[in-house]
Amino acid sequence: MVAAKAGGAAAGVSIPEEEIDISAIRAGGPGGQNVNKVSNAVHLRFDVRASSLPEAVKQRLLALGDARVTRTGVVVIKAQRHRSLELNRAEAIARLEALVAAAARVPKPRRPTRPSRGAKQRRLEAKTRRSQIKAARAKVSL
C-alpha cells in the first residue's frame, strides 16, 4: 500500500499497489548502447475513476487540469531520470503520491471582498496624476 501524506482533513489517503500499473520501457536520450538494450524507464498508469480513493479526492484529481491526467481519467507518469529501474519506479510512485496529496488538500473557500474607500480614492488620484503627466506632453497650440 502506498500512502500519500496530505495536510488537513484528508491526511493519510492511501493508494493500494494493486491499483497502480507499472511497466518498464526503454528510456530515451543519452546513454550509449545501454539505452538501446535495457528497459530502465518506468511508465506508471493509475486509473482514478476505478480507484478506491474517496470520491471528493477523485473529483479534485480529475479537475486539476494536469497534463498527466488523461481525458479518460488515467494518470500517466513516465520516470526516466535515473539509470536504475528501482530508482525510476520509486520516483514515479513519489510523483503519484505528490499528485494525490495535492488533490487531497481541501481548498480554502474564497470569500469575495471589495476594495476599501481609501483604495478607490488612491486609484482615482493615481489616474488623475497620470492623466496630468500625459496632458503635459501634448503640443502647445499658440
N, C-alpha and C. Protein backbone atom coordinates (compact mmCIF):
# COMPACT_ATOMS: atom_id res chain seq x y z
N MET A 1 0.84 -1.17 0.00
CA MET A 1 0.00 0.00 0.00
C MET A 1 0.89 1.24 0.00
N VAL A 2 0.59 2.18 -0.85
CA VAL A 2 1.35 3.41 -0.97
C VAL A 2 0.55 4.51 -0.29
N ALA A 3 1.16 5.18 0.70
CA ALA A 3 0.44 6.22 1.43
C ALA A 3 0.82 7.59 0.90
N ALA A 4 -0.18 8.38 0.60
CA ALA A 4 0.05 9.76 0.17
C ALA A 4 -0.30 10.66 1.35
N LYS A 5 0.71 11.24 1.96
CA LYS A 5 0.50 12.10 3.11
C LYS A 5 0.04 13.47 2.63
N ALA A 6 -1.02 13.95 3.22
CA ALA A 6 -1.54 15.28 2.86
C ALA A 6 -1.97 15.99 4.13
N GLY A 7 -1.92 17.31 4.11
CA GLY A 7 -2.34 18.09 5.25
C GLY A 7 -3.84 18.22 5.28
N GLY A 8 -4.39 18.57 6.45
CA GLY A 8 -5.82 18.82 6.53
C GLY A 8 -6.62 17.59 6.89
N ALA A 9 -7.90 17.61 6.57
CA ALA A 9 -8.82 16.55 6.97
C ALA A 9 -8.58 15.25 6.22
N ALA A 10 -8.06 15.32 5.00
CA ALA A 10 -7.89 14.12 4.18
C ALA A 10 -6.49 13.54 4.32
N ALA A 11 -5.85 13.75 5.47
CA ALA A 11 -4.49 13.26 5.67
C ALA A 11 -4.46 11.74 5.65
N GLY A 12 -3.42 11.17 5.05
CA GLY A 12 -3.24 9.74 5.05
C GLY A 12 -4.04 9.00 3.99
N VAL A 13 -4.33 9.62 2.86
CA VAL A 13 -5.00 8.93 1.77
C VAL A 13 -4.02 7.91 1.21
N SER A 14 -4.46 6.65 1.10
CA SER A 14 -3.54 5.62 0.63
C SER A 14 -4.02 5.02 -0.69
N ILE A 15 -3.03 4.60 -1.49
CA ILE A 15 -3.30 4.01 -2.80
C ILE A 15 -2.83 2.55 -2.75
N PRO A 16 -3.72 1.58 -2.88
CA PRO A 16 -3.27 0.19 -2.91
C PRO A 16 -2.40 -0.07 -4.14
N GLU A 17 -1.34 -0.86 -3.96
CA GLU A 17 -0.40 -1.11 -5.05
C GLU A 17 -1.04 -1.89 -6.20
N GLU A 18 -2.15 -2.62 -5.92
CA GLU A 18 -2.84 -3.36 -7.00
C GLU A 18 -3.46 -2.41 -8.01
N GLU A 19 -3.74 -1.17 -7.59
CA GLU A 19 -4.38 -0.20 -8.48
C GLU A 19 -3.38 0.54 -9.36
N ILE A 20 -2.09 0.36 -9.08
CA ILE A 20 -1.05 1.02 -9.86
C ILE A 20 -0.47 0.03 -10.86
N ASP A 21 -0.44 0.42 -12.14
CA ASP A 21 0.13 -0.43 -13.18
C ASP A 21 1.47 0.17 -13.59
N ILE A 22 2.55 -0.57 -13.32
CA ILE A 22 3.90 -0.08 -13.64
C ILE A 22 4.52 -1.01 -14.67
N SER A 23 5.02 -0.43 -15.76
CA SER A 23 5.70 -1.23 -16.77
C SER A 23 7.05 -0.61 -17.09
N ALA A 24 8.02 -1.45 -17.38
CA ALA A 24 9.37 -0.99 -17.73
C ALA A 24 9.43 -0.74 -19.23
N ILE A 25 9.98 0.42 -19.59
CA ILE A 25 10.13 0.77 -21.00
C ILE A 25 11.56 1.25 -21.23
N ARG A 26 11.95 1.33 -22.49
CA ARG A 26 13.29 1.83 -22.80
C ARG A 26 13.30 3.34 -22.68
N ALA A 27 14.34 3.84 -22.04
CA ALA A 27 14.47 5.28 -21.85
C ALA A 27 15.09 5.91 -23.09
N GLY A 28 14.71 7.14 -23.37
CA GLY A 28 15.32 7.86 -24.48
C GLY A 28 16.50 8.67 -23.99
N GLY A 29 17.13 9.37 -24.89
CA GLY A 29 18.23 10.25 -24.50
C GLY A 29 19.57 9.58 -24.50
N PRO A 30 20.60 10.27 -23.97
CA PRO A 30 21.95 9.75 -24.00
C PRO A 30 22.11 8.54 -23.09
N GLY A 31 23.11 7.71 -23.38
CA GLY A 31 23.37 6.54 -22.54
C GLY A 31 24.12 5.47 -23.30
N GLY A 32 24.45 5.71 -24.55
CA GLY A 32 25.23 4.74 -25.32
C GLY A 32 24.42 3.51 -25.65
N GLN A 33 25.11 2.39 -25.79
CA GLN A 33 24.44 1.14 -26.16
C GLN A 33 23.49 0.66 -25.08
N ASN A 34 23.80 1.00 -23.83
CA ASN A 34 22.98 0.53 -22.72
C ASN A 34 21.52 0.98 -22.87
N VAL A 35 21.32 2.18 -23.39
CA VAL A 35 19.97 2.72 -23.52
C VAL A 35 19.14 1.93 -24.54
N ASN A 36 19.80 1.29 -25.48
CA ASN A 36 19.10 0.50 -26.50
C ASN A 36 18.81 -0.93 -26.05
N LYS A 37 19.53 -1.40 -25.01
CA LYS A 37 19.41 -2.79 -24.59
C LYS A 37 18.53 -2.98 -23.35
N VAL A 38 18.57 -2.02 -22.42
CA VAL A 38 17.96 -2.23 -21.11
C VAL A 38 16.73 -1.33 -20.95
N SER A 39 15.68 -1.89 -20.37
CA SER A 39 14.47 -1.12 -20.09
C SER A 39 14.56 -0.55 -18.67
N ASN A 40 15.04 0.68 -18.57
CA ASN A 40 15.23 1.31 -17.26
C ASN A 40 14.15 2.31 -16.92
N ALA A 41 13.48 2.86 -17.90
CA ALA A 41 12.45 3.86 -17.62
C ALA A 41 11.18 3.17 -17.14
N VAL A 42 10.33 3.93 -16.45
CA VAL A 42 9.11 3.38 -15.89
C VAL A 42 7.92 4.16 -16.39
N HIS A 43 6.89 3.42 -16.80
CA HIS A 43 5.62 4.01 -17.23
C HIS A 43 4.59 3.61 -16.17
N LEU A 44 4.10 4.58 -15.39
CA LEU A 44 3.12 4.30 -14.35
C LEU A 44 1.75 4.76 -14.81
N ARG A 45 0.75 3.89 -14.64
CA ARG A 45 -0.63 4.23 -15.00
C ARG A 45 -1.51 3.98 -13.78
N PHE A 46 -2.38 4.95 -13.50
CA PHE A 46 -3.27 4.85 -12.34
C PHE A 46 -4.65 5.35 -12.76
N ASP A 47 -5.63 4.45 -12.76
CA ASP A 47 -6.99 4.79 -13.16
C ASP A 47 -7.71 5.42 -11.97
N VAL A 48 -7.96 6.72 -12.05
CA VAL A 48 -8.55 7.46 -10.94
C VAL A 48 -9.99 7.02 -10.70
N ARG A 49 -10.77 6.88 -11.78
CA ARG A 49 -12.19 6.55 -11.63
C ARG A 49 -12.41 5.16 -11.02
N ALA A 50 -11.52 4.21 -11.32
CA ALA A 50 -11.67 2.85 -10.81
C ALA A 50 -10.94 2.65 -9.48
N SER A 51 -10.34 3.69 -8.94
CA SER A 51 -9.55 3.55 -7.72
C SER A 51 -10.43 3.57 -6.47
N SER A 52 -9.80 3.28 -5.33
CA SER A 52 -10.52 3.26 -4.06
C SER A 52 -10.36 4.58 -3.30
N LEU A 53 -9.94 5.63 -4.00
CA LEU A 53 -9.80 6.94 -3.36
C LEU A 53 -11.18 7.47 -2.98
N PRO A 54 -11.25 8.33 -1.97
CA PRO A 54 -12.54 8.96 -1.64
C PRO A 54 -13.07 9.76 -2.83
N GLU A 55 -14.37 9.83 -2.97
CA GLU A 55 -15.00 10.47 -4.13
C GLU A 55 -14.58 11.93 -4.29
N ALA A 56 -14.45 12.65 -3.18
CA ALA A 56 -14.06 14.07 -3.24
C ALA A 56 -12.64 14.22 -3.79
N VAL A 57 -11.75 13.33 -3.39
CA VAL A 57 -10.35 13.38 -3.87
C VAL A 57 -10.31 13.04 -5.36
N LYS A 58 -11.13 12.05 -5.77
CA LYS A 58 -11.19 11.70 -7.20
C LYS A 58 -11.61 12.90 -8.04
N GLN A 59 -12.67 13.60 -7.59
CA GLN A 59 -13.18 14.74 -8.34
C GLN A 59 -12.13 15.84 -8.44
N ARG A 60 -11.44 16.13 -7.34
CA ARG A 60 -10.41 17.18 -7.37
C ARG A 60 -9.23 16.77 -8.23
N LEU A 61 -8.88 15.48 -8.21
CA LEU A 61 -7.77 14.98 -9.02
C LEU A 61 -8.09 15.09 -10.51
N LEU A 62 -9.33 14.77 -10.88
CA LEU A 62 -9.74 14.87 -12.28
C LEU A 62 -9.88 16.32 -12.73
N ALA A 63 -10.19 17.21 -11.79
CA ALA A 63 -10.38 18.63 -12.12
C ALA A 63 -9.09 19.44 -12.05
N LEU A 64 -7.97 18.81 -11.69
CA LEU A 64 -6.70 19.53 -11.54
C LEU A 64 -6.26 20.23 -12.82
N GLY A 65 -6.57 19.65 -13.96
CA GLY A 65 -6.11 20.23 -15.22
C GLY A 65 -4.65 19.90 -15.48
N ASP A 66 -4.16 18.87 -14.84
CA ASP A 66 -2.77 18.45 -15.02
C ASP A 66 -2.65 17.65 -16.32
N ALA A 67 -1.57 17.87 -17.05
CA ALA A 67 -1.37 17.19 -18.34
C ALA A 67 -1.19 15.69 -18.17
N ARG A 68 -0.80 15.26 -16.97
CA ARG A 68 -0.58 13.83 -16.74
C ARG A 68 -1.89 13.07 -16.56
N VAL A 69 -3.00 13.77 -16.36
CA VAL A 69 -4.31 13.12 -16.23
C VAL A 69 -5.00 13.17 -17.58
N THR A 70 -5.30 11.99 -18.15
CA THR A 70 -5.92 11.92 -19.47
C THR A 70 -7.41 12.20 -19.39
N ARG A 71 -8.05 12.32 -20.55
CA ARG A 71 -9.50 12.57 -20.61
C ARG A 71 -10.28 11.41 -20.00
N THR A 72 -9.74 10.22 -20.10
CA THR A 72 -10.42 9.04 -19.58
C THR A 72 -10.21 8.86 -18.07
N GLY A 73 -9.45 9.76 -17.45
CA GLY A 73 -9.25 9.70 -16.00
C GLY A 73 -8.11 8.80 -15.57
N VAL A 74 -7.11 8.62 -16.43
CA VAL A 74 -5.95 7.80 -16.09
C VAL A 74 -4.74 8.72 -15.91
N VAL A 75 -4.06 8.56 -14.78
CA VAL A 75 -2.83 9.32 -14.53
C VAL A 75 -1.69 8.54 -15.17
N VAL A 76 -0.92 9.21 -16.04
CA VAL A 76 0.21 8.57 -16.71
C VAL A 76 1.47 9.33 -16.33
N ILE A 77 2.41 8.63 -15.70
CA ILE A 77 3.67 9.23 -15.27
C ILE A 77 4.81 8.43 -15.86
N LYS A 78 5.76 9.13 -16.50
CA LYS A 78 6.94 8.48 -17.06
C LYS A 78 8.16 8.97 -16.29
N ALA A 79 8.91 8.05 -15.72
CA ALA A 79 10.11 8.39 -14.96
C ALA A 79 11.32 7.75 -15.62
N GLN A 80 12.30 8.57 -16.01
CA GLN A 80 13.50 8.04 -16.66
C GLN A 80 14.76 8.80 -16.27
N ARG A 81 14.72 9.49 -15.14
CA ARG A 81 15.86 10.30 -14.71
C ARG A 81 17.06 9.44 -14.29
N HIS A 82 16.78 8.34 -13.61
CA HIS A 82 17.86 7.51 -13.07
C HIS A 82 18.22 6.37 -14.02
N ARG A 83 19.38 5.78 -13.79
CA ARG A 83 19.83 4.67 -14.65
C ARG A 83 19.33 3.32 -14.15
N SER A 84 18.75 3.30 -12.95
CA SER A 84 18.25 2.02 -12.43
C SER A 84 16.72 2.00 -12.43
N LEU A 85 16.19 0.84 -12.71
CA LEU A 85 14.74 0.66 -12.77
C LEU A 85 14.10 0.91 -11.41
N GLU A 86 14.74 0.48 -10.34
CA GLU A 86 14.18 0.63 -8.99
C GLU A 86 14.05 2.09 -8.60
N LEU A 87 15.07 2.89 -8.91
CA LEU A 87 15.02 4.32 -8.58
C LEU A 87 13.94 5.03 -9.40
N ASN A 88 13.82 4.67 -10.68
CA ASN A 88 12.79 5.28 -11.52
C ASN A 88 11.40 4.88 -11.03
N ARG A 89 11.25 3.63 -10.58
CA ARG A 89 9.97 3.16 -10.05
C ARG A 89 9.60 3.94 -8.79
N ALA A 90 10.57 4.13 -7.90
CA ALA A 90 10.33 4.88 -6.66
C ALA A 90 9.98 6.33 -6.97
N GLU A 91 10.65 6.90 -7.96
CA GLU A 91 10.36 8.30 -8.33
C GLU A 91 8.96 8.44 -8.92
N ALA A 92 8.55 7.50 -9.75
CA ALA A 92 7.21 7.55 -10.34
C ALA A 92 6.13 7.45 -9.26
N ILE A 93 6.34 6.56 -8.29
CA ILE A 93 5.38 6.41 -7.20
C ILE A 93 5.36 7.67 -6.34
N ALA A 94 6.53 8.28 -6.11
CA ALA A 94 6.59 9.52 -5.32
C ALA A 94 5.84 10.65 -6.03
N ARG A 95 5.96 10.71 -7.36
CA ARG A 95 5.24 11.75 -8.11
C ARG A 95 3.73 11.53 -8.03
N LEU A 96 3.30 10.26 -8.10
CA LEU A 96 1.88 9.95 -7.98
C LEU A 96 1.38 10.34 -6.59
N GLU A 97 2.16 10.02 -5.55
CA GLU A 97 1.79 10.38 -4.19
C GLU A 97 1.64 11.89 -4.05
N ALA A 98 2.57 12.65 -4.65
CA ALA A 98 2.50 14.11 -4.57
C ALA A 98 1.25 14.64 -5.27
N LEU A 99 0.91 14.03 -6.40
CA LEU A 99 -0.27 14.46 -7.16
C LEU A 99 -1.54 14.19 -6.35
N VAL A 100 -1.63 13.01 -5.75
CA VAL A 100 -2.80 12.64 -4.95
C VAL A 100 -2.86 13.50 -3.69
N ALA A 101 -1.70 13.78 -3.09
CA ALA A 101 -1.68 14.64 -1.90
C ALA A 101 -2.17 16.04 -2.22
N ALA A 102 -1.81 16.55 -3.40
CA ALA A 102 -2.27 17.87 -3.82
C ALA A 102 -3.78 17.87 -4.00
N ALA A 103 -4.32 16.77 -4.51
CA ALA A 103 -5.77 16.68 -4.71
C ALA A 103 -6.50 16.43 -3.40
N ALA A 104 -5.82 15.84 -2.43
CA ALA A 104 -6.45 15.53 -1.14
C ALA A 104 -6.61 16.77 -0.28
N ARG A 105 -5.79 17.79 -0.53
CA ARG A 105 -5.90 19.04 0.22
C ARG A 105 -7.19 19.75 -0.15
N VAL A 106 -8.01 20.04 0.84
CA VAL A 106 -9.27 20.73 0.59
C VAL A 106 -8.97 22.22 0.40
N PRO A 107 -9.36 22.79 -0.74
CA PRO A 107 -9.06 24.20 -0.97
C PRO A 107 -9.86 25.11 -0.04
N LYS A 108 -9.22 26.19 0.39
CA LYS A 108 -9.88 27.15 1.26
C LYS A 108 -10.92 27.92 0.43
N PRO A 109 -12.16 28.02 0.91
CA PRO A 109 -13.17 28.71 0.10
C PRO A 109 -12.85 30.20 -0.03
N ARG A 110 -13.06 30.73 -1.22
CA ARG A 110 -12.77 32.14 -1.46
C ARG A 110 -13.95 32.98 -1.02
N ARG A 111 -13.67 34.01 -0.23
CA ARG A 111 -14.70 34.95 0.17
C ARG A 111 -14.49 36.23 -0.63
N PRO A 112 -15.48 36.62 -1.43
CA PRO A 112 -15.29 37.82 -2.24
C PRO A 112 -15.17 39.06 -1.36
N THR A 113 -14.24 39.93 -1.74
CA THR A 113 -14.03 41.18 -0.99
C THR A 113 -14.19 42.36 -1.93
N ARG A 114 -14.36 43.53 -1.36
CA ARG A 114 -14.47 44.75 -2.15
C ARG A 114 -13.35 45.68 -1.75
N PRO A 115 -12.89 46.52 -2.69
CA PRO A 115 -11.85 47.48 -2.32
C PRO A 115 -12.38 48.51 -1.32
N SER A 116 -11.51 48.93 -0.42
CA SER A 116 -11.91 49.92 0.58
C SER A 116 -12.07 51.30 -0.07
N ARG A 117 -12.70 52.20 0.65
CA ARG A 117 -12.90 53.55 0.13
C ARG A 117 -11.55 54.23 -0.13
N GLY A 118 -10.59 54.02 0.78
CA GLY A 118 -9.26 54.60 0.61
C GLY A 118 -8.55 54.06 -0.62
N ALA A 119 -8.72 52.76 -0.89
CA ALA A 119 -8.08 52.15 -2.06
C ALA A 119 -8.68 52.73 -3.34
N LYS A 120 -10.00 52.92 -3.35
CA LYS A 120 -10.65 53.53 -4.53
C LYS A 120 -10.14 54.95 -4.74
N GLN A 121 -10.02 55.69 -3.64
CA GLN A 121 -9.57 57.09 -3.72
C GLN A 121 -8.13 57.16 -4.23
N ARG A 122 -7.25 56.29 -3.71
CA ARG A 122 -5.85 56.28 -4.16
C ARG A 122 -5.75 55.93 -5.64
N ARG A 123 -6.59 54.99 -6.09
CA ARG A 123 -6.59 54.60 -7.50
C ARG A 123 -7.00 55.78 -8.38
N LEU A 124 -8.04 56.49 -7.99
CA LEU A 124 -8.51 57.62 -8.78
C LEU A 124 -7.49 58.76 -8.79
N GLU A 125 -6.82 58.98 -7.64
CA GLU A 125 -5.79 60.03 -7.59
C GLU A 125 -4.62 59.68 -8.50
N ALA A 126 -4.23 58.39 -8.51
CA ALA A 126 -3.13 57.95 -9.38
C ALA A 126 -3.50 58.13 -10.84
N LYS A 127 -4.76 57.84 -11.17
CA LYS A 127 -5.22 58.02 -12.56
C LYS A 127 -5.20 59.50 -12.94
N THR A 128 -5.58 60.35 -12.02
CA THR A 128 -5.58 61.80 -12.29
C THR A 128 -4.16 62.29 -12.52
N ARG A 129 -3.23 61.86 -11.65
CA ARG A 129 -1.82 62.26 -11.79
C ARG A 129 -1.27 61.80 -13.14
N ARG A 130 -1.56 60.58 -13.50
CA ARG A 130 -1.07 60.03 -14.76
C ARG A 130 -1.65 60.81 -15.95
N SER A 131 -2.92 61.15 -15.84
CA SER A 131 -3.58 61.92 -16.89
C SER A 131 -2.93 63.29 -17.05
N GLN A 132 -2.58 63.93 -15.93
CA GLN A 132 -1.93 65.25 -15.99
C GLN A 132 -0.54 65.15 -16.62
N ILE A 133 0.19 64.08 -16.31
CA ILE A 133 1.52 63.88 -16.90
C ILE A 133 1.40 63.75 -18.42
N LYS A 134 0.42 62.96 -18.86
CA LYS A 134 0.25 62.76 -20.30
C LYS A 134 -0.24 64.04 -20.99
N ALA A 135 -1.12 64.78 -20.29
CA ALA A 135 -1.61 66.03 -20.87
C ALA A 135 -0.48 67.05 -21.03
N ALA A 136 0.50 67.02 -20.13
CA ALA A 136 1.63 67.96 -20.19
C ALA A 136 2.54 67.66 -21.38
N ARG A 137 2.45 66.47 -21.93
CA ARG A 137 3.28 66.08 -23.08
C ARG A 137 2.71 66.62 -24.39
N ALA A 138 1.47 67.00 -24.38
CA ALA A 138 0.79 67.43 -25.62
C ALA A 138 1.44 68.70 -26.17
N LYS A 139 1.33 68.88 -27.49
CA LYS A 139 1.87 70.09 -28.12
C LYS A 139 1.06 71.29 -27.68
N VAL A 140 1.75 72.37 -27.44
CA VAL A 140 1.09 73.60 -27.01
C VAL A 140 0.70 74.38 -28.27
N SER A 141 -0.56 74.72 -28.39
CA SER A 141 -1.01 75.48 -29.56
C SER A 141 -0.99 76.98 -29.21
N LEU A 142 -0.50 77.82 -30.12
CA LEU A 142 -0.39 79.26 -29.87
C LEU A 142 -1.50 80.04 -30.47
